[in-house]
Amino acid sequence: GSGSRHVSLLILLAALVYAALGLW
């Protein structure tokens, strides 16, 4: 991070990781 307010990207990363783990 560099002071960006685009925190939704991290939340999207969490959603993708959880989805991949959940299905796998």
mmCIF file of all heavy atoms, coordinates in Angstrom:
data_MODEL
# 
_entry.id   MODEL 
# 
loop_
_atom_site.group_PDB 
_atom_site.id 
_atom_site.type_symbol 
_atom_site.label_atom_id 
_atom_site.label_alt_id 
_atom_site.label_comp_id 
_atom_site.label_asym_id 
_atom_site.label_entity_id 
_atom_site.label_seq_id 
_atom_site.pdbx_PDB_ins_code 
_atom_site.Cartn_x 
_atom_site.Cartn_y 
_atom_site.Cartn_z 
_atom_site.occupancy 
_atom_site.B_iso_or_equiv 
_atom_site.pdbx_formal_charge 
_atom_site.auth_seq_id 
_atom_site.auth_comp_id 
_atom_site.auth_asym_id 
_atom_site.auth_atom_id 
_atom_site.pdbx_PDB_model_num 
ATOM 1   N N   . GLY A 1 1  ? 0.816   -1.206  0.000  1.00 0.00 ? 1  GLY A N   1 
ATOM 2   C CA  . GLY A 1 1  ? 0.000   0.000   0.000  1.00 0.00 ? 1  GLY A CA  1 
ATOM 3   C C   . GLY A 1 1  ? 0.849   1.255   0.000  1.00 0.00 ? 1  GLY A C   1 
ATOM 4   O O   . GLY A 1 1  ? 1.961   1.297   0.514  1.00 0.00 ? 1  GLY A O   1 
ATOM 5   N N   . SER A 1 2  ? 0.275   2.300   -0.589 1.00 0.00 ? 2  SER A N   1 
ATOM 6   C CA  . SER A 1 2  ? 0.994   3.581   -0.661 1.00 0.00 ? 2  SER A CA  1 
ATOM 7   C C   . SER A 1 2  ? 0.018   4.725   -0.391 1.00 0.00 ? 2  SER A C   1 
ATOM 8   O O   . SER A 1 2  ? 0.015   5.729   -1.081 1.00 0.00 ? 2  SER A O   1 
ATOM 9   C CB  . SER A 1 2  ? 1.646   3.752   -2.034 1.00 0.00 ? 2  SER A CB  1 
ATOM 10  O OG  . SER A 1 2  ? 0.674   3.661   -3.061 1.00 0.00 ? 2  SER A OG  1 
ATOM 11  N N   . GLY A 1 3  ? -0.849  4.491   0.583  1.00 0.00 ? 3  GLY A N   1 
ATOM 12  C CA  . GLY A 1 3  ? -1.835  5.526   0.887  1.00 0.00 ? 3  GLY A CA  1 
ATOM 13  C C   . GLY A 1 3  ? -3.054  5.486   0.011  1.00 0.00 ? 3  GLY A C   1 
ATOM 14  O O   . GLY A 1 3  ? -3.903  6.380   0.075  1.00 0.00 ? 3  GLY A O   1 
ATOM 15  N N   . SER A 1 4  ? -3.193  4.457   -0.814 1.00 0.00 ? 4  SER A N   1 
ATOM 16  C CA  . SER A 1 4  ? -4.337  4.363   -1.708 1.00 0.00 ? 4  SER A CA  1 
ATOM 17  C C   . SER A 1 4  ? -5.586  4.031   -0.901 1.00 0.00 ? 4  SER A C   1 
ATOM 18  O O   . SER A 1 4  ? -5.549  3.283   0.075  1.00 0.00 ? 4  SER A O   1 
ATOM 19  C CB  . SER A 1 4  ? -4.101  3.275   -2.756 1.00 0.00 ? 4  SER A CB  1 
ATOM 20  O OG  . SER A 1 4  ? -5.267  3.047   -3.510 1.00 0.00 ? 4  SER A OG  1 
ATOM 21  N N   . ARG A 1 5  ? -6.702  4.580   -1.344 1.00 0.00 ? 5  ARG A N   1 
ATOM 22  C CA  . ARG A 1 5  ? -7.980  4.315   -0.678 1.00 0.00 ? 5  ARG A CA  1 
ATOM 23  C C   . ARG A 1 5  ? -8.744  3.198   -1.392 1.00 0.00 ? 5  ARG A C   1 
ATOM 24  O O   . ARG A 1 5  ? -9.895  2.958   -1.090 1.00 0.00 ? 5  ARG A O   1 
ATOM 25  C CB  . ARG A 1 5  ? -8.824  5.590   -0.651 1.00 0.00 ? 5  ARG A CB  1 
ATOM 26  C CG  . ARG A 1 5  ? -8.153  6.750   0.066  1.00 0.00 ? 5  ARG A CG  1 
ATOM 27  C CD  . ARG A 1 5  ? -8.952  8.035   -0.093 1.00 0.00 ? 5  ARG A CD  1 
ATOM 28  N NE  . ARG A 1 5  ? -10.232 7.969   0.606  1.00 0.00 ? 5  ARG A NE  1 
ATOM 29  C CZ  . ARG A 1 5  ? -11.202 8.872   0.465  1.00 0.00 ? 5  ARG A CZ  1 
ATOM 30  N NH1 . ARG A 1 5  ? -11.030 9.893   -0.375 1.00 0.00 ? 5  ARG A NH1 1 
ATOM 31  N NH2 . ARG A 1 5  ? -12.340 8.754   1.129  1.00 0.00 ? 5  ARG A NH2 1 
ATOM 32  N N   . HIS A 1 6  ? -8.074  2.552   -2.338 1.00 0.00 ? 6  HIS A N   1 
ATOM 33  C CA  . HIS A 1 6  ? -8.733  1.501   -3.119 1.00 0.00 ? 6  HIS A CA  1 
ATOM 34  C C   . HIS A 1 6  ? -8.621  0.168   -2.371 1.00 0.00 ? 6  HIS A C   1 
ATOM 35  O O   . HIS A 1 6  ? -8.064  -0.813  -2.881 1.00 0.00 ? 6  HIS A O   1 
ATOM 36  C CB  . HIS A 1 6  ? -8.095  1.406   -4.499 1.00 0.00 ? 6  HIS A CB  1 
ATOM 37  C CG  . HIS A 1 6  ? -9.011  0.813   -5.518 1.00 0.00 ? 6  HIS A CG  1 
ATOM 38  N ND1 . HIS A 1 6  ? -8.687  0.717   -6.844 1.00 0.00 ? 6  HIS A ND1 1 
ATOM 39  C CD2 . HIS A 1 6  ? -10.260 0.288   -5.411 1.00 0.00 ? 6  HIS A CD2 1 
ATOM 40  C CE1 . HIS A 1 6  ? -9.687  0.158   -7.511 1.00 0.00 ? 6  HIS A CE1 1 
ATOM 41  N NE2 . HIS A 1 6  ? -10.644 -0.117  -6.657 1.00 0.00 ? 6  HIS A NE2 1 
ATOM 42  N N   . VAL A 1 7  ? -9.183  0.118   -1.174 1.00 0.00 ? 7  VAL A N   1 
ATOM 43  C CA  . VAL A 1 7  ? -9.083  -1.079  -0.340 1.00 0.00 ? 7  VAL A CA  1 
ATOM 44  C C   . VAL A 1 7  ? -9.931  -2.219  -0.880 1.00 0.00 ? 7  VAL A C   1 
ATOM 45  O O   . VAL A 1 7  ? -9.751  -3.376  -0.494 1.00 0.00 ? 7  VAL A O   1 
ATOM 46  C CB  . VAL A 1 7  ? -9.517  -0.759  1.116  1.00 0.00 ? 7  VAL A CB  1 
ATOM 47  C CG1 . VAL A 1 7  ? -8.546  0.198   1.761  1.00 0.00 ? 7  VAL A CG1 1 
ATOM 48  C CG2 . VAL A 1 7  ? -10.930 -0.188  1.145  1.00 0.00 ? 7  VAL A CG2 1 
ATOM 49  N N   . SER A 1 8  ? -10.861 -1.883  -1.774 1.00 0.00 ? 8  SER A N   1 
ATOM 50  C CA  . SER A 1 8  ? -11.736 -2.937  -2.307 1.00 0.00 ? 8  SER A CA  1 
ATOM 51  C C   . SER A 1 8  ? -10.957 -3.991  -3.080 1.00 0.00 ? 8  SER A C   1 
ATOM 52  O O   . SER A 1 8  ? -11.409 -5.133  -3.197 1.00 0.00 ? 8  SER A O   1 
ATOM 53  C CB  . SER A 1 8  ? -12.813 -2.317  -3.207 1.00 0.00 ? 8  SER A CB  1 
ATOM 54  O OG  . SER A 1 8  ? -12.232 -1.601  -4.270 1.00 0.00 ? 8  SER A OG  1 
ATOM 55  N N   . LEU A 1 9  ? -9.771  -3.635  -3.599 1.00 0.00 ? 9  LEU A N   1 
ATOM 56  C CA  . LEU A 1 9  ? -8.957  -4.621  -4.316 1.00 0.00 ? 9  LEU A CA  1 
ATOM 57  C C   . LEU A 1 9  ? -8.494  -5.736  -3.381 1.00 0.00 ? 9  LEU A C   1 
ATOM 58  O O   . LEU A 1 9  ? -8.451  -6.910  -3.771 1.00 0.00 ? 9  LEU A O   1 
ATOM 59  C CB  . LEU A 1 9  ? -7.754  -3.931  -4.966 1.00 0.00 ? 9  LEU A CB  1 
ATOM 60  C CG  . LEU A 1 9  ? -8.076  -2.960  -6.110 1.00 0.00 ? 9  LEU A CG  1 
ATOM 61  C CD1 . LEU A 1 9  ? -6.805  -2.302  -6.632 1.00 0.00 ? 9  LEU A CD1 1 
ATOM 62  C CD2 . LEU A 1 9  ? -8.803  -3.692  -7.236 1.00 0.00 ? 9  LEU A CD2 1 
ATOM 63  N N   . LEU A 1 10 ? -8.137  -5.365  -2.160 1.00 0.00 ? 10 LEU A N   1 
ATOM 64  C CA  . LEU A 1 10 ? -7.742  -6.385  -1.183 1.00 0.00 ? 10 LEU A CA  1 
ATOM 65  C C   . LEU A 1 10 ? -8.927  -7.264  -0.809 1.00 0.00 ? 10 LEU A C   1 
ATOM 66  O O   . LEU A 1 10 ? -8.784  -8.473  -0.625 1.00 0.00 ? 10 LEU A O   1 
ATOM 67  C CB  . LEU A 1 10 ? -7.166  -5.716  0.068  1.00 0.00 ? 10 LEU A CB  1 
ATOM 68  C CG  . LEU A 1 10 ? -5.791  -5.065  -0.081 1.00 0.00 ? 10 LEU A CG  1 
ATOM 69  C CD1 . LEU A 1 10 ? -5.411  -4.351  1.210  1.00 0.00 ? 10 LEU A CD1 1 
ATOM 70  C CD2 . LEU A 1 10 ? -4.739  -6.104  -0.439 1.00 0.00 ? 10 LEU A CD2 1 
ATOM 71  N N   . ILE A 1 11 ? -10.100 -6.660  -0.677 1.00 0.00 ? 11 ILE A N   1 
ATOM 72  C CA  . ILE A 1 11 ? -11.299 -7.434  -0.351 1.00 0.00 ? 11 ILE A CA  1 
ATOM 73  C C   . ILE A 1 11 ? -11.639 -8.386  -1.490 1.00 0.00 ? 11 ILE A C   1 
ATOM 74  O O   . ILE A 1 11 ? -12.025 -9.539  -1.270 1.00 0.00 ? 11 ILE A O   1 
ATOM 75  C CB  . ILE A 1 11 ? -12.486 -6.497  -0.050 1.00 0.00 ? 11 ILE A CB  1 
ATOM 76  C CG1 . ILE A 1 11 ? -12.142 -5.551  1.093  1.00 0.00 ? 11 ILE A CG1 1 
ATOM 77  C CG2 . ILE A 1 11 ? -13.731 -7.306  0.297  1.00 0.00 ? 11 ILE A CG2 1 
ATOM 78  C CD1 . ILE A 1 11 ? -13.219 -4.521  1.371  1.00 0.00 ? 11 ILE A CD1 1 
ATOM 79  N N   . LEU A 1 12 ? -11.474 -7.909  -2.734 1.00 0.00 ? 12 LEU A N   1 
ATOM 80  C CA  . LEU A 1 12 ? -11.703 -8.782  -3.889 1.00 0.00 ? 12 LEU A CA  1 
ATOM 81  C C   . LEU A 1 12 ? -10.709 -9.933  -3.901 1.00 0.00 ? 12 LEU A C   1 
ATOM 82  O O   . LEU A 1 12 ? -11.078 -11.078 -4.209 1.00 0.00 ? 12 LEU A O   1 
ATOM 83  C CB  . LEU A 1 12 ? -11.592 -7.971  -5.180 1.00 0.00 ? 12 LEU A CB  1 
ATOM 84  C CG  . LEU A 1 12 ? -11.749 -8.761  -6.480 1.00 0.00 ? 12 LEU A CG  1 
ATOM 85  C CD1 . LEU A 1 12 ? -13.115 -9.427  -6.547 1.00 0.00 ? 12 LEU A CD1 1 
ATOM 86  C CD2 . LEU A 1 12 ? -11.539 -7.852  -7.691 1.00 0.00 ? 12 LEU A CD2 1 
ATOM 87  N N   . LEU A 1 13 ? -9.445  -9.637  -3.553 1.00 0.00 ? 13 LEU A N   1 
ATOM 88  C CA  . LEU A 1 13 ? -8.439  -10.702 -3.479 1.00 0.00 ? 13 LEU A CA  1 
ATOM 89  C C   . LEU A 1 13 ? -8.853  -11.742 -2.449 1.00 0.00 ? 13 LEU A C   1 
ATOM 90  O O   . LEU A 1 13 ? -8.740  -12.959 -2.698 1.00 0.00 ? 13 LEU A O   1 
ATOM 91  C CB  . LEU A 1 13 ? -7.078  -10.107 -3.121 1.00 0.00 ? 13 LEU A CB  1 
ATOM 92  C CG  . LEU A 1 13 ? -5.937  -11.118 -2.907 1.00 0.00 ? 13 LEU A CG  1 
ATOM 93  C CD1 . LEU A 1 13 ? -5.679  -11.921 -4.180 1.00 0.00 ? 13 LEU A CD1 1 
ATOM 94  C CD2 . LEU A 1 13 ? -4.662  -10.397 -2.450 1.00 0.00 ? 13 LEU A CD2 1 
ATOM 95  N N   . ALA A 1 14 ? -9.349  -11.291 -1.294 1.00 0.00 ? 14 ALA A N   1 
ATOM 96  C CA  . ALA A 1 14 ? -9.808  -12.224 -0.263 1.00 0.00 ? 14 ALA A CA  1 
ATOM 97  C C   . ALA A 1 14 ? -10.964 -13.074 -0.781 1.00 0.00 ? 14 ALA A C   1 
ATOM 98  O O   . ALA A 1 14 ? -11.010 -14.295 -0.550 1.00 0.00 ? 14 ALA A O   1 
ATOM 99  C CB  . ALA A 1 14 ? -10.235 -11.453 0.984  1.00 0.00 ? 14 ALA A CB  1 
ATOM 100 N N   . ALA A 1 15 ? -11.905 -12.437 -1.492 1.00 0.00 ? 15 ALA A N   1 
ATOM 101 C CA  . ALA A 1 15 ? -13.046 -13.179 -2.035 1.00 0.00 ? 15 ALA A CA  1 
ATOM 102 C C   . ALA A 1 15 ? -12.585 -14.247 -3.023 1.00 0.00 ? 15 ALA A C   1 
ATOM 103 O O   . ALA A 1 15 ? -13.083 -15.384 -3.002 1.00 0.00 ? 15 ALA A O   1 
ATOM 104 C CB  . ALA A 1 15 ? -14.019 -12.215 -2.710 1.00 0.00 ? 15 ALA A CB  1 
ATOM 105 N N   . LEU A 1 16 ? -11.631 -13.908 -3.882 1.00 0.00 ? 16 LEU A N   1 
ATOM 106 C CA  . LEU A 1 16 ? -11.137 -14.868 -4.874 1.00 0.00 ? 16 LEU A CA  1 
ATOM 107 C C   . LEU A 1 16 ? -10.384 -16.018 -4.208 1.00 0.00 ? 16 LEU A C   1 
ATOM 108 O O   . LEU A 1 16 ? -10.540 -17.183 -4.598 1.00 0.00 ? 16 LEU A O   1 
ATOM 109 C CB  . LEU A 1 16 ? -10.230 -14.150 -5.872 1.00 0.00 ? 16 LEU A CB  1 
ATOM 110 C CG  . LEU A 1 16 ? -10.915 -13.114 -6.777 1.00 0.00 ? 16 LEU A CG  1 
ATOM 111 C CD1 . LEU A 1 16 ? -9.882  -12.389 -7.643 1.00 0.00 ? 16 LEU A CD1 1 
ATOM 112 C CD2 . LEU A 1 16 ? -11.970 -13.776 -7.651 1.00 0.00 ? 16 LEU A CD2 1 
ATOM 113 N N   . VAL A 1 17 ? -9.578  -15.691 -3.201 1.00 0.00 ? 17 VAL A N   1 
ATOM 114 C CA  . VAL A 1 17 ? -8.829  -16.735 -2.492 1.00 0.00 ? 17 VAL A CA  1 
ATOM 115 C C   . VAL A 1 17 ? -9.790  -17.671 -1.765 1.00 0.00 ? 17 VAL A C   1 
ATOM 116 O O   . VAL A 1 17 ? -9.675  -18.905 -1.846 1.00 0.00 ? 17 VAL A O   1 
ATOM 117 C CB  . VAL A 1 17 ? -7.836  -16.105 -1.494 1.00 0.00 ? 17 VAL A CB  1 
ATOM 118 C CG1 . VAL A 1 17 ? -7.219  -17.185 -0.596 1.00 0.00 ? 17 VAL A CG1 1 
ATOM 119 C CG2 . VAL A 1 17 ? -6.736  -15.364 -2.245 1.00 0.00 ? 17 VAL A CG2 1 
ATOM 120 N N   . TYR A 1 18 ? -10.774 -17.099 -1.071 1.00 0.00 ? 18 TYR A N   1 
ATOM 121 C CA  . TYR A 1 18 ? -11.742 -17.926 -0.355 1.00 0.00 ? 18 TYR A CA  1 
ATOM 122 C C   . TYR A 1 18 ? -12.565 -18.776 -1.327 1.00 0.00 ? 18 TYR A C   1 
ATOM 123 O O   . TYR A 1 18 ? -12.878 -19.937 -1.037 1.00 0.00 ? 18 TYR A O   1 
ATOM 124 C CB  . TYR A 1 18 ? -12.684 -17.055 0.481  1.00 0.00 ? 18 TYR A CB  1 
ATOM 125 C CG  . TYR A 1 18 ? -12.021 -16.387 1.664  1.00 0.00 ? 18 TYR A CG  1 
ATOM 126 C CD1 . TYR A 1 18 ? -12.453 -15.141 2.122  1.00 0.00 ? 18 TYR A CD1 1 
ATOM 127 C CD2 . TYR A 1 18 ? -10.974 -17.000 2.340  1.00 0.00 ? 18 TYR A CD2 1 
ATOM 128 C CE1 . TYR A 1 18 ? -11.850 -14.526 3.212  1.00 0.00 ? 18 TYR A CE1 1 
ATOM 129 C CE2 . TYR A 1 18 ? -10.363 -16.396 3.425  1.00 0.00 ? 18 TYR A CE2 1 
ATOM 130 C CZ  . TYR A 1 18 ? -10.814 -15.150 3.857  1.00 0.00 ? 18 TYR A CZ  1 
ATOM 131 O OH  . TYR A 1 18 ? -10.219 -14.559 4.932  1.00 0.00 ? 18 TYR A OH  1 
ATOM 132 N N   . ALA A 1 19 ? -12.945 -18.182 -2.465 1.00 0.00 ? 19 ALA A N   1 
ATOM 133 C CA  . ALA A 1 19 ? -13.729 -18.939 -3.450 1.00 0.00 ? 19 ALA A CA  1 
ATOM 134 C C   . ALA A 1 19 ? -12.925 -20.115 -3.990 1.00 0.00 ? 19 ALA A C   1 
ATOM 135 O O   . ALA A 1 19 ? -13.440 -21.240 -4.107 1.00 0.00 ? 19 ALA A O   1 
ATOM 136 C CB  . ALA A 1 19 ? -14.159 -18.010 -4.590 1.00 0.00 ? 19 ALA A CB  1 
ATOM 137 N N   . ALA A 1 20 ? -11.651 -19.857 -4.322 1.00 0.00 ? 20 ALA A N   1 
ATOM 138 C CA  . ALA A 1 20 ? -10.799 -20.927 -4.842 1.00 0.00 ? 20 ALA A CA  1 
ATOM 139 C C   . ALA A 1 20 ? -10.612 -22.026 -3.797 1.00 0.00 ? 20 ALA A C   1 
ATOM 140 O O   . ALA A 1 20 ? -10.713 -23.222 -4.108 1.00 0.00 ? 20 ALA A O   1 
ATOM 141 C CB  . ALA A 1 20 ? -9.453  -20.353 -5.274 1.00 0.00 ? 20 ALA A CB  1 
ATOM 142 N N   . LEU A 1 21 ? -10.358 -21.626 -2.551 1.00 0.00 ? 21 LEU A N   1 
ATOM 143 C CA  . LEU A 1 21 ? -10.174 -22.612 -1.486 1.00 0.00 ? 21 LEU A CA  1 
ATOM 144 C C   . LEU A 1 21 ? -11.473 -23.373 -1.205 1.00 0.00 ? 21 LEU A C   1 
ATOM 145 O O   . LEU A 1 21 ? -11.465 -24.593 -1.015 1.00 0.00 ? 21 LEU A O   1 
ATOM 146 C CB  . LEU A 1 21 ? -9.695  -21.923 -0.210 1.00 0.00 ? 21 LEU A CB  1 
ATOM 147 C CG  . LEU A 1 21 ? -8.242  -21.441 -0.197 1.00 0.00 ? 21 LEU A CG  1 
ATOM 148 C CD1 . LEU A 1 21 ? -7.975  -20.579 1.026  1.00 0.00 ? 21 LEU A CD1 1 
ATOM 149 C CD2 . LEU A 1 21 ? -7.280  -22.629 -0.229 1.00 0.00 ? 21 LEU A CD2 1 
ATOM 150 N N   . GLY A 1 22 ? -12.581 -22.637 -1.192 1.00 0.00 ? 22 GLY A N   1 
ATOM 151 C CA  . GLY A 1 22 ? -13.865 -23.272 -0.910 1.00 0.00 ? 22 GLY A CA  1 
ATOM 152 C C   . GLY A 1 22 ? -14.231 -24.324 -1.935 1.00 0.00 ? 22 GLY A C   1 
ATOM 153 O O   . GLY A 1 22 ? -14.728 -25.406 -1.589 1.00 0.00 ? 22 GLY A O   1 
ATOM 154 N N   . LEU A 1 23 ? -13.983 -24.031 -3.202 1.00 0.00 ? 23 LEU A N   1 
ATOM 155 C CA  . LEU A 1 23 ? -14.303 -24.985 -4.264 1.00 0.00 ? 23 LEU A CA  1 
ATOM 156 C C   . LEU A 1 23 ? -13.297 -26.126 -4.313 1.00 0.00 ? 23 LEU A C   1 
ATOM 157 O O   . LEU A 1 23 ? -13.641 -27.253 -4.669 1.00 0.00 ? 23 LEU A O   1 
ATOM 158 C CB  . LEU A 1 23 ? -14.339 -24.264 -5.619 1.00 0.00 ? 23 LEU A CB  1 
ATOM 159 C CG  . LEU A 1 23 ? -15.441 -23.208 -5.791 1.00 0.00 ? 23 LEU A CG  1 
ATOM 160 C CD1 . LEU A 1 23 ? -15.271 -22.483 -7.118 1.00 0.00 ? 23 LEU A CD1 1 
ATOM 161 C CD2 . LEU A 1 23 ? -16.819 -23.844 -5.715 1.00 0.00 ? 23 LEU A CD2 1 
ATOM 162 N N   . TRP A 1 24 ? -12.044 -25.843 -3.962 1.00 0.00 ? 24 TRP A N   1 
ATOM 163 C CA  . TRP A 1 24 ? -11.003 -26.867 -4.054 1.00 0.00 ? 24 TRP A CA  1 
ATOM 164 C C   . TRP A 1 24 ? -11.054 -27.848 -2.882 1.00 0.00 ? 24 TRP A C   1 
ATOM 165 O O   . TRP A 1 24 ? -10.854 -29.051 -3.062 1.00 0.00 ? 24 TRP A O   1 
ATOM 166 C CB  . TRP A 1 24 ? -9.624  -26.203 -4.101 1.00 0.00 ? 24 TRP A CB  1 
ATOM 167 C CG  . TRP A 1 24 ? -8.494  -27.178 -4.018 1.00 0.00 ? 24 TRP A CG  1 
ATOM 168 C CD1 . TRP A 1 24 ? -8.142  -28.139 -4.930 1.00 0.00 ? 24 TRP A CD1 1 
ATOM 169 C CD2 . TRP A 1 24 ? -7.557  -27.309 -2.927 1.00 0.00 ? 24 TRP A CD2 1 
ATOM 170 N NE1 . TRP A 1 24 ? -7.062  -28.854 -4.487 1.00 0.00 ? 24 TRP A NE1 1 
ATOM 171 C CE2 . TRP A 1 24 ? -6.674  -28.362 -3.266 1.00 0.00 ? 24 TRP A CE2 1 
ATOM 172 C CE3 . TRP A 1 24 ? -7.388  -26.635 -1.728 1.00 0.00 ? 24 TRP A CE3 1 
ATOM 173 C CZ2 . TRP A 1 24 ? -5.637  -28.751 -2.417 1.00 0.00 ? 24 TRP A CZ2 1 
ATOM 174 C CZ3 . TRP A 1 24 ? -6.341  -27.017 -0.889 1.00 0.00 ? 24 TRP A CZ3 1 
ATOM 175 C CH2 . TRP A 1 24 ? -5.484  -28.067 -1.238 1.00 0.00 ? 24 TRP A CH2 1 
# 
